[in-house]
Structures are given as C-alpha cells and as structure tokens.
Protein backbone atom coordinates (compact mmCIF):
# COMPACT_ATOMS: atom_id res chain seq x y z
CA UNK A 1 -94.87 -37.94 -70.59
CA UNK A 2 -96.37 -41.42 -70.40
CA UNK A 3 -94.02 -42.62 -73.12
CA UNK A 4 -91.01 -41.35 -71.13
CA UNK A 5 -92.15 -43.18 -68.00
CA UNK A 6 -92.71 -46.38 -69.99
CA UNK A 7 -89.21 -46.22 -71.49
CA UNK A 8 -87.64 -45.77 -68.07
CA UNK A 9 -89.61 -48.71 -66.71
CA UNK A 10 -88.54 -50.96 -69.58
CA UNK A 11 -84.89 -49.91 -69.14
CA UNK A 12 -85.06 -50.63 -65.41
CA UNK A 13 -86.47 -54.08 -66.10
CA UNK A 14 -83.70 -54.88 -68.56
CA UNK A 15 -81.00 -53.82 -66.08
CA UNK A 16 -82.63 -55.95 -63.37
CA UNK A 17 -82.71 -59.00 -65.66
CA UNK A 18 -79.06 -58.50 -66.59
CA UNK A 19 -77.98 -58.27 -62.97
CA UNK A 20 -79.90 -61.43 -62.11
CA UNK A 21 -78.33 -63.30 -65.00
CA UNK A 22 -74.88 -62.03 -64.04
CA UNK A 23 -75.39 -63.21 -60.47
CA UNK A 24 -76.43 -66.61 -61.80
CA UNK A 25 -73.24 -66.76 -63.83
CA UNK A 26 -71.14 -65.98 -60.74
CA UNK A 27 -73.03 -68.62 -58.81
CA UNK A 28 -72.41 -71.13 -61.54
CA UNK A 29 -68.64 -70.58 -61.47
CA UNK A 30 -66.70 -73.60 -60.11
CA UNK A 31 -65.00 -73.22 -56.71
CA UNK A 32 -61.54 -71.64 -56.83
CA UNK A 33 -58.71 -74.07 -55.94
CA UNK A 34 -56.67 -72.83 -52.97
CA UNK A 35 -54.10 -74.04 -50.46
CA UNK A 36 -54.78 -73.31 -46.79
CA UNK A 37 -53.03 -73.60 -43.47
CA UNK A 38 -53.95 -73.04 -39.84
CA UNK A 39 -53.49 -69.96 -37.70
CA UNK A 40 -51.09 -70.86 -34.88
CA UNK A 41 -50.64 -69.33 -31.45
CA UNK A 42 -47.16 -69.26 -29.96
CA UNK A 43 -45.08 -67.22 -27.52
CA UNK A 44 -43.54 -64.32 -29.40
CA UNK A 45 -41.44 -61.43 -28.18
CA UNK A 46 -43.52 -58.29 -28.28
CA UNK A 47 -42.47 -55.80 -30.88
CA UNK A 48 -42.24 -52.07 -31.15
CA UNK A 49 -42.50 -50.13 -34.38
CA UNK A 50 -39.73 -47.79 -35.51
CA UNK A 51 -39.54 -45.41 -38.42
CA UNK A 52 -36.40 -45.48 -40.53
CA UNK A 53 -34.99 -44.35 -43.85
CA UNK A 54 -33.77 -46.44 -46.77
CA UNK A 55 -30.14 -45.91 -47.72
CA UNK A 56 -27.92 -47.62 -50.33
CA UNK A 57 -25.46 -50.22 -49.07
CA UNK A 58 -22.67 -48.45 -50.99
CA UNK A 59 -22.32 -44.87 -52.15
CA UNK A 60 -19.24 -43.75 -54.07
CA UNK A 61 -18.28 -40.14 -54.74
CA UNK A 62 -16.23 -40.78 -57.88
CA UNK A 63 -13.53 -38.19 -58.55
CA UNK A 64 -10.77 -37.61 -61.09
CA UNK A 65 -7.27 -38.87 -60.29
CA UNK A 66 -5.65 -36.47 -62.80
CA UNK A 67 -6.13 -33.00 -64.20
CA UNK A 68 -7.78 -32.74 -67.60
CA UNK A 69 -10.58 -31.52 -69.82
CA UNK A 70 -13.73 -33.62 -70.20
CA UNK A 71 -13.88 -34.96 -73.76
CA UNK A 72 -16.84 -37.30 -73.23
CA UNK A 73 -19.50 -37.47 -70.49
CA UNK A 74 -21.97 -40.20 -71.51
CA UNK A 75 -23.95 -40.54 -68.26
CA UNK A 76 -27.10 -38.94 -66.87
CA UNK A 77 -28.73 -38.96 -63.44
CA UNK A 78 -30.73 -42.14 -62.95
CA UNK A 79 -28.69 -44.19 -65.44
CA UNK A 80 -27.69 -47.72 -64.52
CA UNK A 81 -23.96 -48.38 -64.95
CA UNK A 82 -21.93 -51.58 -64.77
CA UNK A 83 -18.65 -51.96 -62.94
CA UNK A 84 -15.73 -50.39 -64.89
CA UNK A 85 -18.13 -48.66 -67.29
CA UNK A 86 -16.69 -45.25 -68.30
CA UNK A 87 -18.30 -42.29 -66.54
CA UNK A 88 -16.15 -39.62 -68.15
CA UNK A 89 -13.27 -39.45 -70.62
CA UNK A 90 -10.58 -36.75 -70.39
CA UNK A 91 -8.46 -35.54 -73.31
CA UNK A 92 -5.44 -37.84 -73.81
CA UNK A 93 -3.53 -36.40 -76.79
CA UNK A 94 -0.52 -35.12 -74.80
CA UNK A 95 -0.22 -38.09 -72.48
CA UNK A 96 -0.54 -40.47 -75.45
CA UNK A 97 2.49 -38.82 -77.12
CA UNK A 98 4.47 -39.16 -73.89
CA UNK A 99 3.58 -42.84 -73.68
CA UNK A 100 4.65 -43.40 -77.30
CA UNK A 101 8.02 -41.68 -76.75
CA UNK A 102 8.64 -43.62 -73.53
CA UNK A 103 7.88 -46.92 -75.27
CA UNK A 104 10.37 -46.10 -78.05
CA UNK A 105 13.03 -45.32 -75.44
CA UNK A 106 12.23 -48.63 -73.74
CA UNK A 107 12.75 -50.46 -77.05
CA UNK A 108 16.19 -48.83 -77.37
CA UNK A 109 17.12 -50.00 -73.88
CA UNK A 110 15.90 -53.50 -74.69
CA UNK A 111 18.11 -53.71 -77.80
CA UNK A 112 21.14 -52.40 -75.91
CA UNK A 113 20.70 -55.05 -73.24
CA UNK A 114 20.17 -57.75 -75.84
CA UNK A 115 23.37 -56.70 -77.63
CA UNK A 116 25.39 -57.01 -74.43
CA UNK A 117 23.80 -60.33 -73.45
CA UNK A 118 24.54 -61.86 -76.87
CA UNK A 119 28.28 -61.08 -76.51
CA UNK A 120 30.78 -60.73 -79.36
CA UNK A 121 29.91 -62.04 -82.79
CA UNK A 122 32.17 -64.71 -84.35
CA UNK A 123 33.35 -62.24 -87.00
CA UNK A 124 34.46 -59.80 -84.31
CA UNK A 125 36.45 -62.55 -82.57
CA UNK A 126 38.11 -63.56 -85.88
CA UNK A 127 38.94 -59.92 -86.60
CA UNK A 128 40.57 -59.51 -83.18
CA UNK A 129 42.51 -62.73 -83.65
CA UNK A 130 43.77 -61.60 -87.05
CA UNK A 131 45.01 -58.34 -85.57
CA UNK A 132 46.75 -60.24 -82.79
CA UNK A 133 48.52 -62.55 -85.29
CA UNK A 134 49.61 -59.57 -87.39
CA UNK A 135 51.02 -57.89 -84.30
CA UNK A 136 52.81 -61.09 -83.35
CA UNK A 137 54.45 -61.33 -86.80
CA UNK A 138 55.57 -57.71 -86.57
CA UNK A 139 57.00 -58.32 -83.09
CA UNK A 140 59.01 -61.35 -84.25
CA UNK A 141 60.36 -59.37 -87.21
CA UNK A 142 61.58 -56.58 -84.92
CA UNK A 143 63.18 -59.12 -82.59
CA UNK A 144 65.27 -60.53 -85.46
CA UNK A 145 66.05 -57.02 -86.64
CA UNK A 146 67.31 -56.20 -83.14
CA UNK A 147 69.66 -59.22 -83.17
CA UNK A 148 71.20 -58.21 -86.53
CA UNK A 149 71.55 -54.64 -85.35
CA UNK A 150 73.52 -55.74 -82.27
CA UNK A 151 75.96 -57.69 -84.49
CA UNK A 152 76.40 -54.69 -86.77
CA UNK A 153 76.98 -52.43 -83.78
CA UNK A 154 79.72 -54.71 -82.47
CA UNK A 155 81.43 -54.61 -85.87
CA UNK A 156 81.11 -50.81 -85.86
CA UNK A 157 78.88 -50.94 -88.93
CA UNK A 158 76.01 -49.30 -86.98
CA UNK A 159 76.18 -46.35 -84.65
CA UNK A 160 74.52 -46.06 -81.25
CA UNK A 161 71.63 -43.86 -82.38
CA UNK A 162 70.59 -46.29 -85.09
CA UNK A 163 70.81 -49.17 -82.62
CA UNK A 164 68.66 -47.29 -80.12
CA UNK A 165 66.01 -46.64 -82.79
CA UNK A 166 65.85 -50.34 -83.61
CA UNK A 167 65.48 -51.18 -79.90
CA UNK A 168 62.59 -48.72 -79.64
CA UNK A 169 60.83 -50.22 -82.66
CA UNK A 170 61.19 -53.69 -81.13
CA UNK A 171 59.70 -52.56 -77.81
CA UNK A 172 56.83 -50.80 -79.62
CA UNK A 173 56.07 -53.98 -81.59
CA UNK A 174 55.90 -56.00 -78.36
CA UNK A 175 53.41 -53.51 -76.85
CA UNK A 176 51.25 -53.58 -79.97
CA UNK A 177 51.19 -57.37 -79.77
CA UNK A 178 50.21 -57.32 -76.08
CA UNK A 179 47.44 -54.85 -76.89
CA UNK A 180 46.17 -57.06 -79.72
CA UNK A 181 46.17 -60.05 -77.37
CA UNK A 182 44.00 -58.16 -74.86
CA UNK A 183 41.59 -57.05 -77.58
CA UNK A 184 41.25 -60.64 -78.73
CA UNK A 185 40.69 -61.87 -75.17
CA UNK A 186 38.03 -59.20 -74.57
CA UNK A 187 36.26 -60.25 -77.74
CA UNK A 188 36.32 -63.88 -76.60
CA UNK A 189 35.12 -63.06 -73.05
CA UNK A 190 32.36 -60.68 -74.21
CA UNK A 191 30.92 -57.71 -72.22
CA UNK A 192 31.47 -57.46 -68.49
CA UNK A 193 28.66 -58.58 -66.17
CA UNK A 194 28.61 -55.12 -64.62
CA UNK A 195 27.80 -53.53 -67.99
CA UNK A 196 25.00 -56.04 -68.55
CA UNK A 197 23.54 -55.26 -65.10
CA UNK A 198 23.76 -51.54 -65.79
CA UNK A 199 21.87 -52.00 -69.05
CA UNK A 200 19.29 -54.17 -67.30
CA UNK A 201 18.79 -51.49 -64.62
CA UNK A 202 18.35 -48.78 -67.25
CA UNK A 203 15.72 -50.94 -68.98
CA UNK A 204 13.87 -51.45 -65.67
CA UNK A 205 13.84 -47.69 -65.06
CA UNK A 206 12.40 -47.07 -68.51
CA UNK A 207 9.77 -49.81 -68.05
CA UNK A 208 8.66 -48.17 -64.80
CA UNK A 209 8.38 -44.84 -66.63
CA UNK A 210 6.16 -46.43 -69.28
CA UNK A 211 3.98 -48.07 -66.64
CA UNK A 212 3.61 -44.75 -64.82
CA UNK A 213 2.55 -42.96 -67.99
CA UNK A 214 0.14 -45.77 -68.96
CA UNK A 215 -1.37 -45.61 -65.47
CA UNK A 216 -1.90 -41.87 -65.91
CA UNK A 217 -3.44 -42.55 -69.33
CA UNK A 218 -5.80 -45.10 -67.76
CA UNK A 219 -6.81 -42.57 -65.11
CA UNK A 220 -7.96 -40.24 -67.88
CA UNK A 221 -10.89 -42.67 -68.25
CA UNK A 222 -12.98 -42.39 -65.06
CA UNK A 223 -14.89 -45.63 -64.45
CA UNK A 224 -17.69 -46.86 -62.20
CA UNK A 225 -16.36 -48.70 -59.11
CA UNK A 226 -19.34 -51.12 -58.99
CA UNK A 227 -22.75 -51.83 -60.49
CA UNK A 228 -25.13 -49.06 -59.52
CA UNK A 229 -27.14 -45.99 -60.41
CA UNK A 230 -25.99 -42.43 -61.07
CA UNK A 231 -27.46 -40.21 -58.35
CA UNK A 232 -25.66 -36.95 -59.19
CA UNK A 233 -23.54 -35.35 -61.94
CA UNK A 234 -20.67 -33.04 -61.00
CA UNK A 235 -19.18 -32.01 -64.35
CA UNK A 236 -20.09 -31.36 -67.98
CA UNK A 237 -18.64 -31.93 -71.44
CA UNK A 238 -15.72 -29.57 -72.07
CA UNK A 239 -15.30 -28.64 -68.41
CA UNK A 240 -11.83 -28.68 -66.82
CA UNK A 241 -11.55 -30.98 -63.80
CA UNK A 242 -8.73 -30.92 -61.31
CA UNK A 243 -7.22 -33.88 -59.53
CA UNK A 244 -9.60 -34.96 -56.78
CA UNK A 245 -12.59 -33.08 -58.19
CA UNK A 246 -15.93 -34.96 -58.16
CA UNK A 247 -17.26 -36.35 -61.42
CA UNK A 248 -20.35 -38.37 -60.38
CA UNK A 249 -22.06 -40.19 -57.51
CA UNK A 250 -22.86 -43.91 -57.84
CA UNK A 251 -25.28 -45.82 -55.59
CA UNK A 252 -25.34 -49.61 -55.23
CA UNK A 253 -29.05 -50.50 -55.05
CA UNK A 254 -29.17 -54.29 -55.36
CA UNK A 255 -29.55 -54.28 -51.59
CA UNK A 256 -30.90 -51.53 -49.36
CA UNK A 257 -30.17 -50.66 -45.74
CA UNK A 258 -32.99 -49.34 -43.57
CA UNK A 259 -31.44 -47.07 -40.93
CA UNK A 260 -33.40 -46.80 -37.68
CA UNK A 261 -32.54 -45.26 -34.33
CA UNK A 262 -33.22 -47.73 -31.50
CA UNK A 263 -33.51 -46.61 -27.84
CA UNK A 264 -31.10 -48.03 -25.31
CA UNK A 265 -33.82 -49.98 -23.47
CA UNK A 266 -34.61 -51.92 -26.67
CA UNK A 267 -31.13 -52.39 -28.10
CA UNK A 268 -30.24 -55.39 -25.83
CA UNK A 269 -32.95 -57.46 -27.56
CA UNK A 270 -31.82 -56.57 -31.10
CA UNK A 271 -29.38 -59.16 -32.43
CA UNK A 272 -27.31 -59.21 -35.59
CA UNK A 273 -28.74 -61.62 -38.17
CA UNK A 274 -32.29 -61.34 -36.80
CA UNK A 275 -35.05 -61.23 -39.44
CA UNK A 276 -37.20 -58.11 -39.41
CA UNK A 277 -40.42 -57.21 -41.18
CA UNK A 278 -40.12 -53.98 -43.24
CA UNK A 279 -43.03 -51.91 -44.56
CA UNK A 280 -42.57 -48.99 -46.94
CA UNK A 281 -45.22 -46.28 -47.09
CA UNK A 282 -44.47 -45.74 -50.80
CA UNK A 283 -44.93 -49.47 -51.56
CA UNK A 284 -48.04 -50.56 -49.65
CA UNK A 285 -48.50 -53.61 -51.89
CA UNK A 286 -45.21 -55.14 -50.72
CA UNK A 287 -43.96 -56.49 -47.43
CA UNK A 288 -40.19 -56.98 -47.28
CA UNK A 289 -38.17 -59.17 -44.97
CA UNK A 290 -34.81 -57.78 -43.93
CA UNK A 291 -31.94 -58.95 -41.78
CA UNK A 292 -30.21 -56.88 -39.13
CA UNK A 293 -26.76 -56.35 -40.66
CA UNK A 294 -25.20 -53.75 -38.38
CA UNK A 295 -25.62 -52.45 -34.84
CA UNK A 296 -23.49 -49.38 -34.16
CA UNK A 297 -22.18 -49.56 -30.57
CA UNK A 298 -21.94 -45.75 -30.24
CA UNK A 299 -25.14 -44.00 -29.19
CA UNK A 300 -26.26 -40.51 -30.07
CA UNK A 301 -25.57 -38.70 -26.80
CA UNK A 302 -28.55 -36.37 -27.22
CA UNK A 303 -31.24 -38.95 -28.03
CA UNK A 304 -29.60 -42.02 -26.43
CA UNK A 305 -30.42 -44.08 -29.50
CA UNK A 306 -28.23 -46.54 -31.39
CA UNK A 307 -28.13 -46.70 -35.21
CA UNK A 308 -29.28 -50.09 -36.55
CA UNK A 309 -29.11 -51.08 -40.21
CA UNK A 310 -31.53 -53.65 -41.60
CA UNK A 311 -30.49 -55.05 -44.98
CA UNK A 312 -33.25 -55.75 -47.51
CA UNK A 313 -32.85 -57.35 -50.91
CA UNK A 314 -34.06 -54.93 -53.56
CA UNK A 315 -35.84 -55.69 -56.83
CA UNK A 316 -34.46 -54.22 -60.05
CA UNK A 317 -37.10 -54.12 -62.81
CA UNK A 318 -36.07 -52.80 -66.24
CA UNK A 319 -32.97 -51.26 -64.66
CA UNK A 320 -35.12 -49.34 -62.16
CA UNK A 321 -34.87 -50.19 -58.43
CA UNK A 322 -38.17 -50.88 -56.70
CA UNK A 323 -36.92 -49.45 -53.40
CA UNK A 324 -35.36 -46.01 -53.78
CA UNK A 325 -32.95 -44.31 -51.43
CA UNK A 326 -34.57 -41.96 -48.92
CA UNK A 327 -37.93 -43.73 -48.59
CA UNK A 328 -39.69 -43.85 -45.23
CA UNK A 329 -39.76 -47.36 -43.76
CA UNK A 330 -41.45 -48.88 -40.74
CA UNK A 331 -39.89 -51.84 -38.97
CA UNK A 332 -40.95 -53.84 -35.94
CA UNK A 333 -38.18 -54.83 -33.54
CA UNK A 334 -38.53 -57.16 -30.52
CA UNK A 335 -38.61 -55.65 -27.04
CA UNK A 336 -37.92 -58.87 -25.16
CA UNK A 337 -41.27 -59.39 -23.41
CA UNK A 338 -42.91 -62.70 -24.39
CA UNK A 339 -46.62 -62.93 -25.11
CA UNK A 340 -48.94 -65.36 -26.84
CA UNK A 341 -49.48 -64.18 -30.40
CA UNK A 342 -51.19 -65.38 -33.55
CA UNK A 343 -48.94 -66.28 -36.48
CA UNK A 344 -49.71 -66.89 -40.15
CA UNK A 345 -47.45 -67.51 -43.14
CA UNK A 346 -46.42 -64.37 -44.99
CA UNK A 347 -48.02 -65.82 -48.12
CA UNK A 348 -51.42 -65.49 -46.41
CA UNK A 349 -51.23 -61.69 -46.48
CA UNK A 350 -53.07 -59.89 -49.27
CA UNK A 351 -51.79 -56.36 -49.83
CA UNK A 352 -52.97 -53.42 -51.84
CA UNK A 353 -55.77 -52.11 -49.66
CA UNK A 354 -55.82 -49.75 -46.74
CA UNK A 355 -54.39 -52.50 -44.56
CA UNK A 356 -53.19 -56.08 -45.08
CA UNK A 357 -55.86 -58.79 -44.87
CA UNK A 358 -56.12 -62.57 -44.87
CA UNK A 359 -58.87 -64.77 -46.29
CA UNK A 360 -60.35 -67.02 -43.60
CA UNK A 361 -62.04 -70.26 -44.64
CA UNK A 362 -65.74 -70.39 -43.64
CA UNK A 363 -67.00 -74.02 -43.59
CA UNK A 364 -70.31 -74.62 -45.33
CA UNK A 365 -73.34 -75.28 -43.09
CA UNK A 366 -74.71 -77.60 -45.74
CA UNK A 367 -73.14 -80.17 -47.97
CA UNK A 368 -71.48 -77.65 -50.21
CA UNK A 369 -68.09 -76.06 -50.78
CA UNK A 370 -66.57 -73.77 -48.18
CA UNK A 371 -66.31 -70.02 -48.72
CA UNK A 372 -63.86 -67.31 -47.69
CA UNK A 373 -64.18 -64.12 -45.69
CA UNK A 374 -61.55 -61.31 -45.65
CA UNK A 375 -60.22 -60.27 -42.24
CA UNK A 376 -58.08 -57.10 -41.91
CA UNK A 377 -54.93 -57.60 -39.78
CA UNK A 378 -52.01 -55.62 -38.38
CA UNK A 379 -48.60 -57.22 -38.86
CA UNK A 380 -45.94 -57.50 -36.19
CA UNK A 381 -42.76 -59.49 -35.54
CA UNK A 382 -41.52 -61.89 -38.23
CA UNK A 383 -40.43 -65.41 -37.30
CA UNK A 384 -38.91 -67.09 -40.32
CA UNK A 385 -41.68 -67.60 -42.88
CA UNK A 386 -44.34 -66.73 -40.28
CA UNK A 387 -45.44 -63.29 -39.20
CA UNK A 388 -47.35 -62.03 -36.17
CA UNK A 389 -50.82 -60.69 -36.93
CA UNK A 390 -53.46 -58.91 -34.87
CA UNK A 391 -57.08 -59.06 -35.98
CA UNK A 392 -60.38 -60.96 -35.71
CA UNK A 393 -58.71 -64.37 -35.91
CA UNK A 394 -58.71 -67.49 -33.74
CA UNK A 395 -56.06 -70.20 -33.36
CA UNK A 396 -56.80 -73.18 -35.60
CA UNK A 397 -58.72 -71.19 -38.20
CA UNK A 398 -57.73 -71.90 -41.76
CA UNK A 399 -56.37 -69.11 -43.93
CA UNK A 400 -55.60 -69.19 -47.64
CA UNK A 401 -51.90 -69.12 -48.58
CA UNK A 402 -52.13 -69.97 -52.30
CA UNK A 403 -54.69 -68.63 -54.73
CA UNK A 404 -55.73 -65.74 -52.50
CA UNK A 405 -54.83 -62.98 -54.97
CA UNK A 406 -58.14 -63.17 -56.90
CA UNK A 407 -60.57 -64.19 -54.20
CA UNK A 408 -63.72 -62.23 -53.40
CA UNK A 409 -65.73 -62.15 -50.18
CA UNK A 410 -68.04 -65.14 -50.00
CA UNK A 411 -66.43 -66.92 -52.94
CA UNK A 412 -66.60 -70.72 -52.92
CA UNK A 413 -63.27 -72.55 -52.77
CA UNK A 414 -61.86 -76.00 -53.32
CA UNK A 415 -59.12 -76.83 -50.79
CA UNK A 416 -56.04 -78.52 -52.24
CA UNK A 417 -53.57 -80.60 -50.20
CA UNK A 418 -51.70 -78.44 -47.70
CA UNK A 419 -47.95 -78.15 -47.93
CA UNK A 420 -45.90 -79.11 -44.83
CA UNK A 421 -45.72 -76.40 -42.20
CA UNK A 422 -42.57 -74.31 -42.31
CA UNK A 423 -40.54 -74.64 -39.10
CA UNK A 424 -40.14 -71.48 -37.07
CA UNK A 425 -36.61 -70.17 -36.67
CA UNK A 426 -35.66 -69.88 -33.03
C-alpha cells in the first residue's frame, strides 16, 4: 500500500515538472510577427438577416435531338464534365450508311457539273468539224450531179423520175451538211448556261442533303453544353431514347446564386451590384462575399416578397465544388437606416469556432511585447474589404489582420508595418 502511494506521488511530481518545463518553453518562444490595423467607427446602413438557398447559375436538362439506342453512357452523377464532352452516344450504323451514300451521290453531281463547265474537248470539236467537211463534200458532189442530170433530161437521155431522185439526193445532202454545221457549232460553243445552272442546282441540293445527314449523325453524340457537374442521369446503356427525351442534368458551379426572398419594405434599399456578406451553415470556416446580380421585379402575391439573387464565386477543389446546390445560406441586406457601427477588415476574422472572433492587441504594461486577446463578434453589413462587427470592441483598438490563424490567447506578438487602409466603397 505504501509503495503504491509512493509511486503515485513520484508520477505526480514528474508530470508537474514536465508541465513547468513546457510552460517555460512557451514563455521562451519569440513573439509572433503580425500585421494589425485599427477598428473604425463609421455610419453604416443597418442590416437585416435573411435565409436563402444556394442554386447553380446555370442548369441544363440535356435531351436527345434524335431517336436512337444508347451505345455508350460514360457519365455518372457527380462527375465533372467539360463543354462539348460526350454525355451519351447513340448507335450510328444506319445513319452512317446514309451519309456515305449521300456523299457518293454528291461526288457524281460534282463531276457532272465539272464536265459541263469544262465544255467540249478539242478532239470532239475536230470530230464535229470533220463530219461537217465530209457533209460539205457530199453536198457539192450532189450539186454537180444535179447539173448533169438537168442536161441529160433536156436531151431526153434521162426521164423525169430519175431526175426527181437526183434532186431529192441533192436536197438531202444539203440538210446533212446544215446538220453537221450545227453540230460543229454546238461543239465549239459548249454546253448551254442553263444546263450548267441546272447541274449546279442539283449539286447544291445534294450538298444540303449531306449536311442534313451529317447534322443528324452529330446529334447522335449528346454533348455537355458547358463546364459543369452531372446532377442526374436519365438513361442507361442499351436503353432506347426518343427525340426530346432527357439524358442528363448538368449544373454550372463555378459561380453560385443565393436566392433570398426580400420583403417589400426592404427591397427599395437593395441595389444591383451591391456587395453582400454570405454565411453558409455547412461551411462555418468560410465567409463569402457576393454581389447582388438580379432583383426580380415581380413579387410573390401571397408573401409580398421579391426574389433576389446574390452571386458568389465558388471554389472548385479536385473537381469538387466547395459550395453545393441547395445549401442554406444567411445574408445580411441593408434596410436603409444609418447608424454608427464598428468596422474591421475581413482578414481580421478568425473562423472555425462557434462564432467568428478577432484578436485584439493588448499593450504591455511593462517594457515588453504586446499580447493578444480573442474577442467573439457578430458580423453584419459588408462595405468593400471592411465588414460590420458587433462585440466587445472599441474604436481605435488594434486588431490582427495577418498572422492571426495560429495565435493563442495571451500570446506575445511583434507588430510589423501596417499596410495602407483599404478605402471603403460608397
């Protein structure tokens, strides 16, 4: 029994010595370098808190533009997709054959037009000319034969029927010559302009057919309309989809809108472009600054509230958005009444606890370094880089704006040169 008590006493002494030595080590640490600025007091419009919901700035219900069977469906809910990235691929065997046949027909039309535009070949012109000269020779022969026949008829050496036959042969030879002349002239002139225009029109019709089929082939690959995240799947591999049927939902999450309903007595003081402080219950370690992007002029007739959208820049880490759609958000909007309020830079806020806090500089009573003391605050209206705070603070007090992430209550600090004060946006 005595030995047990002695062991406990020795152990207690060792723990006490260790704690004393550890305290000495903390005391021997050099002061932490920090940057500070003063708490300011200025007239600020009083604010009122509103609860809203985060929504994506864009939401697309992507559907199929054609009928078909799903041959590939590479996406899953939550996936990040780039613009024009395939969401689904439909079977294209039949439409591909139609495109191939239409392209072959278009080639035929192109060659027909080219043949007409090039005109007659030199060999064709020489051939037509040779036929014309042969017809001319035959015509001249029949003319001479006609003259001899007339002389023979006058001398009664040739009867009337034989003379008439020779006349007919001479007339036929003249017509053959005239026909040969026209053939030669057509060969020299080439195809008519009307035939060329007809061929050109037929080619244009076939080109439009090919473009239509290629457009349908392109529509068999359903693509993402913008960068975003898949929020829902509406089909599966092998499933038949009809024209207009949904394939997937895509959300653009690089920016987020916080939708709040603002009463009519407050809405006159809410202006487009105004900066607003946004707090998310799911992200207590972050304070976001948004900008009023949209004020809907139509009120809800039952609640007499106007929809207001506050746009907040989101953070995408490892293709995962920090702010998700549907989160509860709290925003503070001005109500128009001016009051004197305390303002500190947003960098002075330390988050992560039950409530935001700031580290106030406590001057040393002796010739030693200053220390810091945490003061819990409640945030209000944002004014540029400054934010309204309510807490145990006084105007002119110094608060830490750089190096406050690792401070502890009562820790000694070394104050570095203060950066110029950020002007307040009016």
